[in-house]
Amino acid sequence: MDVRVGDIIDMKKPHPCGSKSFSVLRIGMDFKIRCCGCGHEIMVARSKITKNIKTVHRTEEP
């Protein structure tokens, strides 16, 4: 799955605040994502993220 920094990803399971949307802050062995609902930042292993992503919303590039 092609995910880039700045993309908004929808996950299969919601964050405890109720939001399923997260913005991607950093990509590597781990993904750093920020909840679009409450702003909480989370570090998640690549293997867990890739199987839990539902959709990717690409940000517009100039």
PDB file of N, CA and C in Angstrom:
ATOM      1  N   MET A   1       0.848  -1.179   0.000  1.00  0.00           N
ATOM      2  CA  MET A   1       0.000   0.000   0.000  1.00  0.00           C
ATOM      3  C   MET A   1       0.889   1.235   0.000  1.00  0.00           C
ATOM      4  N   ASP A   2       0.582   2.178  -0.864  1.00  0.00           N
ATOM      5  CA  ASP A   2       1.398   3.385  -1.006  1.00  0.00           C
ATOM      6  C   ASP A   2       0.871   4.472  -0.077  1.00  0.00           C
ATOM      7  N   VAL A   3       1.577   4.683   1.024  1.00  0.00           N
ATOM      8  CA  VAL A   3       1.214   5.712   1.994  1.00  0.00           C
ATOM      9  C   VAL A   3       2.367   6.691   2.082  1.00  0.00           C
ATOM     10  N   ARG A   4       2.051   7.975   2.055  1.00  0.00           N
ATOM     11  CA  ARG A   4       3.076   9.017   2.128  1.00  0.00           C
ATOM     12  C   ARG A   4       2.812   9.923   3.322  1.00  0.00           C
ATOM     13  N   VAL A   5       3.849  10.664   3.713  1.00  0.00           N
ATOM     14  CA  VAL A   5       3.708  11.626   4.802  1.00  0.00           C
ATOM     15  C   VAL A   5       2.698  12.688   4.376  1.00  0.00           C
ATOM     16  N   GLY A   6       1.778  12.999   5.255  1.00  0.00           N
ATOM     17  CA  GLY A   6       0.745  13.991   4.971  1.00  0.00           C
ATOM     18  C   GLY A   6      -0.583  13.385   4.565  1.00  0.00           C
ATOM     19  N   ASP A   7      -0.614  12.106   4.233  1.00  0.00           N
ATOM     20  CA  ASP A   7      -1.860  11.438   3.854  1.00  0.00           C
ATOM     21  C   ASP A   7      -2.767  11.263   5.070  1.00  0.00           C
ATOM     22  N   ILE A   8      -4.058  11.170   4.812  1.00  0.00           N
ATOM     23  CA  ILE A   8      -5.041  10.847   5.846  1.00  0.00           C
ATOM     24  C   ILE A   8      -5.456   9.400   5.611  1.00  0.00           C
ATOM     25  N   ILE A   9      -5.338   8.565   6.640  1.00  0.00           N
ATOM     26  CA  ILE A   9      -5.706   7.158   6.500  1.00  0.00           C
ATOM     27  C   ILE A   9      -6.908   6.865   7.395  1.00  0.00           C
ATOM     28  N   ASP A  10      -7.815   6.047   6.890  1.00  0.00           N
ATOM     29  CA  ASP A  10      -8.952   5.560   7.675  1.00  0.00           C
ATOM     30  C   ASP A  10      -8.627   4.140   8.107  1.00  0.00           C
ATOM     31  N   MET A  11      -8.755   3.880   9.407  1.00  0.00           N
ATOM     32  CA  MET A  11      -8.436   2.578   9.956  1.00  0.00           C
ATOM     33  C   MET A  11      -9.712   1.748  10.119  1.00  0.00           C
ATOM     34  N   LYS A  12      -9.542   0.442  10.222  1.00  0.00           N
ATOM     35  CA  LYS A  12     -10.680  -0.455  10.422  1.00  0.00           C
ATOM     36  C   LYS A  12     -11.270  -0.295  11.821  1.00  0.00           C
ATOM     37  N   LYS A  13     -10.410  -0.077  12.805  1.00  0.00           N
ATOM     38  CA  LYS A  13     -10.861   0.078  14.196  1.00  0.00           C
ATOM     39  C   LYS A  13     -10.693   1.539  14.622  1.00  0.00           C
ATOM     40  N   PRO A  14     -11.647   2.083  15.358  1.00  0.00           N
ATOM     41  CA  PRO A  14     -11.541   3.486  15.780  1.00  0.00           C
ATOM     42  C   PRO A  14     -10.599   3.675  16.971  1.00  0.00           C
ATOM     43  N   HIS A  15     -10.117   4.894  17.102  1.00  0.00           N
ATOM     44  CA  HIS A  15      -9.357   5.325  18.269  1.00  0.00           C
ATOM     45  C   HIS A  15     -10.359   5.425  19.430  1.00  0.00           C
ATOM     46  N   PRO A  16      -9.930   5.326  20.674  1.00  0.00           N
ATOM     47  CA  PRO A  16     -10.878   5.419  21.797  1.00  0.00           C
ATOM     48  C   PRO A  16     -11.742   6.692  21.803  1.00  0.00           C
ATOM     49  N   CYS A  17     -11.288   7.762  21.138  1.00  0.00           N
ATOM     50  CA  CYS A  17     -12.096   8.984  21.076  1.00  0.00           C
ATOM     51  C   CYS A  17     -13.246   8.850  20.078  1.00  0.00           C
ATOM     52  N   GLY A  18     -13.201   7.806  19.215  1.00  0.00           N
ATOM     53  CA  GLY A  18     -14.277   7.566  18.264  1.00  0.00           C
ATOM     54  C   GLY A  18     -13.917   7.854  16.820  1.00  0.00           C
ATOM     55  N   SER A  19     -12.795   8.514  16.580  1.00  0.00           N
ATOM     56  CA  SER A  19     -12.387   8.855  15.218  1.00  0.00           C
ATOM     57  C   SER A  19     -11.645   7.689  14.564  1.00  0.00           C
ATOM     58  N   LYS A  20     -11.895   7.458  13.281  1.00  0.00           N
ATOM     59  CA  LYS A  20     -11.191   6.416  12.531  1.00  0.00           C
ATOM     60  C   LYS A  20     -10.139   7.008  11.601  1.00  0.00           C
ATOM     61  N   SER A  21     -10.039   8.346  11.535  1.00  0.00           N
ATOM     62  CA  SER A  21      -9.106   9.025  10.631  1.00  0.00           C
ATOM     63  C   SER A  21      -7.836   9.431  11.365  1.00  0.00           C
ATOM     64  N   PHE A  22      -6.704   9.198  10.698  1.00  0.00           N
ATOM     65  CA  PHE A  22      -5.402   9.554  11.238  1.00  0.00           C
ATOM     66  C   PHE A  22      -4.567  10.202  10.148  1.00  0.00           C
ATOM     67  N   SER A  23      -3.751  11.193  10.516  1.00  0.00           N
ATOM     68  CA  SER A  23      -2.829  11.792   9.554  1.00  0.00           C
ATOM     69  C   SER A  23      -1.437  11.186   9.777  1.00  0.00           C
ATOM     70  N   VAL A  24      -0.716  10.944   8.691  1.00  0.00           N
ATOM     71  CA  VAL A  24       0.597  10.315   8.750  1.00  0.00           C
ATOM     72  C   VAL A  24       1.652  11.399   8.942  1.00  0.00           C
ATOM     73  N   LEU A  25       2.448  11.273  10.003  1.00  0.00           N
ATOM     74  CA  LEU A  25       3.488  12.249  10.308  1.00  0.00           C
ATOM     75  C   LEU A  25       4.880  11.762   9.909  1.00  0.00           C
ATOM     76  N   ARG A  26       5.125  10.458  10.040  1.00  0.00           N
ATOM     77  CA  ARG A  26       6.449   9.906   9.750  1.00  0.00           C
ATOM     78  C   ARG A  26       6.287   8.459   9.297  1.00  0.00           C
ATOM     79  N   ILE A  27       7.149   8.055   8.358  1.00  0.00           N
ATOM     80  CA  ILE A  27       7.124   6.681   7.853  1.00  0.00           C
ATOM     81  C   ILE A  27       8.524   6.102   7.956  1.00  0.00           C
ATOM     82  N   GLY A  28       8.605   4.863   8.381  1.00  0.00           N
ATOM     83  CA  GLY A  28       9.864   4.124   8.485  1.00  0.00           C
ATOM     84  C   GLY A  28       9.521   2.716   8.901  1.00  0.00           C
ATOM     85  N   MET A  29      10.311   2.149   9.794  1.00  0.00           N
ATOM     86  CA  MET A  29       9.959   0.847  10.363  1.00  0.00           C
ATOM     87  C   MET A  29       8.676   0.975  11.170  1.00  0.00           C
ATOM     88  N   ASP A  30       8.485   2.154  11.772  1.00  0.00           N
ATOM     89  CA  ASP A  30       7.270   2.484  12.500  1.00  0.00           C
ATOM     90  C   ASP A  30       6.588   3.647  11.788  1.00  0.00           C
ATOM     91  N   PHE A  31       5.287   3.743  11.949  1.00  0.00           N
ATOM     92  CA  PHE A  31       4.533   4.886  11.450  1.00  0.00           C
ATOM     93  C   PHE A  31       4.205   5.765  12.643  1.00  0.00           C
ATOM     94  N   LYS A  32       4.358   7.072  12.504  1.00  0.00           N
ATOM     95  CA  LYS A  32       3.890   7.999  13.523  1.00  0.00           C
ATOM     96  C   LYS A  32       2.633   8.639  12.942  1.00  0.00           C
ATOM     97  N   ILE A  33       1.521   8.442  13.631  1.00  0.00           N
ATOM     98  CA  ILE A  33       0.249   8.957  13.145  1.00  0.00           C
ATOM     99  C   ILE A  33      -0.404   9.825  14.216  1.00  0.00           C
ATOM    100  N   ARG A  34      -1.244  10.761  13.772  1.00  0.00           N
ATOM    101  CA  ARG A  34      -1.962  11.646  14.691  1.00  0.00           C
ATOM    102  C   ARG A  34      -3.457  11.463  14.466  1.00  0.00           C
ATOM    103  N   CYS A  35      -4.181  11.243  15.530  1.00  0.00           N
ATOM    104  CA  CYS A  35      -5.631  11.096  15.466  1.00  0.00           C
ATOM    105  C   CYS A  35      -6.244  12.424  15.025  1.00  0.00           C
ATOM    106  N   CYS A  36      -7.119  12.372  14.033  1.00  0.00           N
ATOM    107  CA  CYS A  36      -7.774  13.591  13.539  1.00  0.00           C
ATOM    108  C   CYS A  36      -8.888  14.053  14.483  1.00  0.00           C
ATOM    109  N   GLY A  37      -9.299  13.210  15.406  1.00  0.00           N
ATOM    110  CA  GLY A  37     -10.350  13.577  16.355  1.00  0.00           C
ATOM    111  C   GLY A  37      -9.820  14.328  17.564  1.00  0.00           C
ATOM    112  N   CYS A  38      -8.833  13.740  18.254  1.00  0.00           N
ATOM    113  CA  CYS A  38      -8.358  14.330  19.514  1.00  0.00           C
ATOM    114  C   CYS A  38      -6.916  14.849  19.446  1.00  0.00           C
ATOM    115  N   GLY A  39      -6.173  14.518  18.379  1.00  0.00           N
ATOM    116  CA  GLY A  39      -4.812  15.024  18.235  1.00  0.00           C
ATOM    117  C   GLY A  39      -3.745  14.179  18.908  1.00  0.00           C
ATOM    118  N   HIS A  40      -4.110  13.025  19.456  1.00  0.00           N
ATOM    119  CA  HIS A  40      -3.150  12.152  20.117  1.00  0.00           C
ATOM    120  C   HIS A  40      -2.207  11.539  19.082  1.00  0.00           C
ATOM    121  N   GLU A  41      -0.892  11.538  19.360  1.00  0.00           N
ATOM    122  CA  GLU A  41       0.098  10.968  18.446  1.00  0.00           C
ATOM    123  C   GLU A  41       0.496   9.571  18.905  1.00  0.00           C
ATOM    124  N   ILE A  42       0.602   8.646  17.935  1.00  0.00           N
ATOM    125  CA  ILE A  42       0.845   7.237  18.222  1.00  0.00           C
ATOM    126  C   ILE A  42       1.946   6.728  17.304  1.00  0.00           C
ATOM    127  N   MET A  43       2.827   5.887  17.840  1.00  0.00           N
ATOM    128  CA  MET A  43       3.820   5.179  17.027  1.00  0.00           C
ATOM    129  C   MET A  43       3.339   3.735  16.900  1.00  0.00           C
ATOM    130  N   VAL A  44       3.200   3.257  15.642  1.00  0.00           N
ATOM    131  CA  VAL A  44       2.687   1.916  15.393  1.00  0.00           C
ATOM    132  C   VAL A  44       3.614   1.219  14.406  1.00  0.00           C
ATOM    133  N   ALA A  45       3.872  -0.071  14.619  1.00  0.00           N
ATOM    134  CA  ALA A  45       4.721  -0.852  13.726  1.00  0.00           C
ATOM    135  C   ALA A  45       4.103  -0.930  12.335  1.00  0.00           C
ATOM    136  N   ARG A  46       4.947  -0.935  11.307  1.00  0.00           N
ATOM    137  CA  ARG A  46       4.495  -0.988   9.920  1.00  0.00           C
ATOM    138  C   ARG A  46       3.593  -2.190   9.653  1.00  0.00           C
ATOM    139  N   SER A  47       3.936  -3.336  10.224  1.00  0.00           N
ATOM    140  CA  SER A  47       3.149  -4.552   9.994  1.00  0.00           C
ATOM    141  C   SER A  47       1.717  -4.414  10.515  1.00  0.00           C
ATOM    142  N   LYS A  48       1.540  -3.726  11.651  1.00  0.00           N
ATOM    143  CA  LYS A  48       0.195  -3.538  12.208  1.00  0.00           C
ATOM    144  C   LYS A  48      -0.600  -2.518  11.400  1.00  0.00           C
ATOM    145  N   ILE A  49       0.057  -1.458  10.985  1.00  0.00           N
ATOM    146  CA  ILE A  49      -0.627  -0.405  10.225  1.00  0.00           C
ATOM    147  C   ILE A  49      -1.115  -0.925   8.884  1.00  0.00           C
ATOM    148  N   THR A  50      -0.250  -1.626   8.144  1.00  0.00           N
ATOM    149  CA  THR A  50      -0.610  -2.033   6.785  1.00  0.00           C
ATOM    150  C   THR A  50      -1.819  -2.964   6.743  1.00  0.00           C
ATOM    151  N   LYS A  51      -1.997  -3.797   7.750  1.00  0.00           N
ATOM    152  CA  LYS A  51      -3.158  -4.693   7.722  1.00  0.00           C
ATOM    153  C   LYS A  51      -4.417  -4.040   8.283  1.00  0.00           C
ATOM    154  N   ASN A  52      -4.294  -2.887   8.957  1.00  0.00           N
ATOM    155  CA  ASN A  52      -5.459  -2.225   9.538  1.00  0.00           C
ATOM    156  C   ASN A  52      -5.932  -0.999   8.760  1.00  0.00           C
ATOM    157  N   ILE A  53      -5.248  -0.646   7.665  1.00  0.00           N
ATOM    158  CA  ILE A  53      -5.665   0.505   6.861  1.00  0.00           C
ATOM    159  C   ILE A  53      -6.854   0.113   5.995  1.00  0.00           C
ATOM    160  N   LYS A  54      -7.882   0.958   6.031  1.00  0.00           N
ATOM    161  CA  LYS A  54      -9.072   0.737   5.213  1.00  0.00           C
ATOM    162  C   LYS A  54      -8.967   1.533   3.909  1.00  0.00           C
ATOM    163  N   THR A  55      -8.737   2.848   4.001  1.00  0.00           N
ATOM    164  CA  THR A  55      -8.567   3.700   2.822  1.00  0.00           C
ATOM    165  C   THR A  55      -7.487   4.740   3.074  1.00  0.00           C
ATOM    166  N   VAL A  56      -6.905   5.244   1.983  1.00  0.00           N
ATOM    167  CA  VAL A  56      -5.899   6.303   2.043  1.00  0.00           C
ATOM    168  C   VAL A  56      -6.422   7.487   1.244  1.00  0.00           C
ATOM    169  N   HIS A  57      -6.453   8.655   1.865  1.00  0.00           N
ATOM    170  CA  HIS A  57      -6.857   9.896   1.191  1.00  0.00           C
ATOM    171  C   HIS A  57      -5.597  10.701   0.924  1.00  0.00           C
ATOM    172  N   ARG A  58      -5.244  10.818  -0.350  1.00  0.00           N
ATOM    173  CA  ARG A  58      -4.016  11.491  -0.757  1.00  0.00           C
ATOM    174  C   ARG A  58      -4.212  13.006  -0.648  1.00  0.00           C
ATOM    175  N   THR A  59      -3.228  13.709  -0.090  1.00  0.00           N
ATOM    176  CA  THR A  59      -3.278  15.166  -0.046  1.00  0.00           C
ATOM    177  C   THR A  59      -2.873  15.691  -1.420  1.00  0.00           C
ATOM    178  N   GLU A  60      -3.421  16.807  -1.794  1.00  0.00           N
ATOM    179  CA  GLU A  60      -3.125  17.394  -3.111  1.00  0.00           C
ATOM    180  C   GLU A  60      -1.703  17.932  -3.141  1.00  0.00           C
ATOM    181  N   GLU A  61      -0.993  17.600  -4.219  1.00  0.00           N
ATOM    182  CA  GLU A  61       0.374  18.089  -4.404  1.00  0.00           C
ATOM    183  C   GLU A  61       0.375  19.152  -5.481  1.00  0.00           C
ATOM    184  N   PRO A  62       1.124  20.254  -5.278  1.00  0.00           N
ATOM    185  CA  PRO A  62       1.146  21.341  -6.278  1.00  0.00           C
ATOM    186  C   PRO A  62       1.865  20.955  -7.552  1.00  0.00           C
TER     187      PRO A  62
END
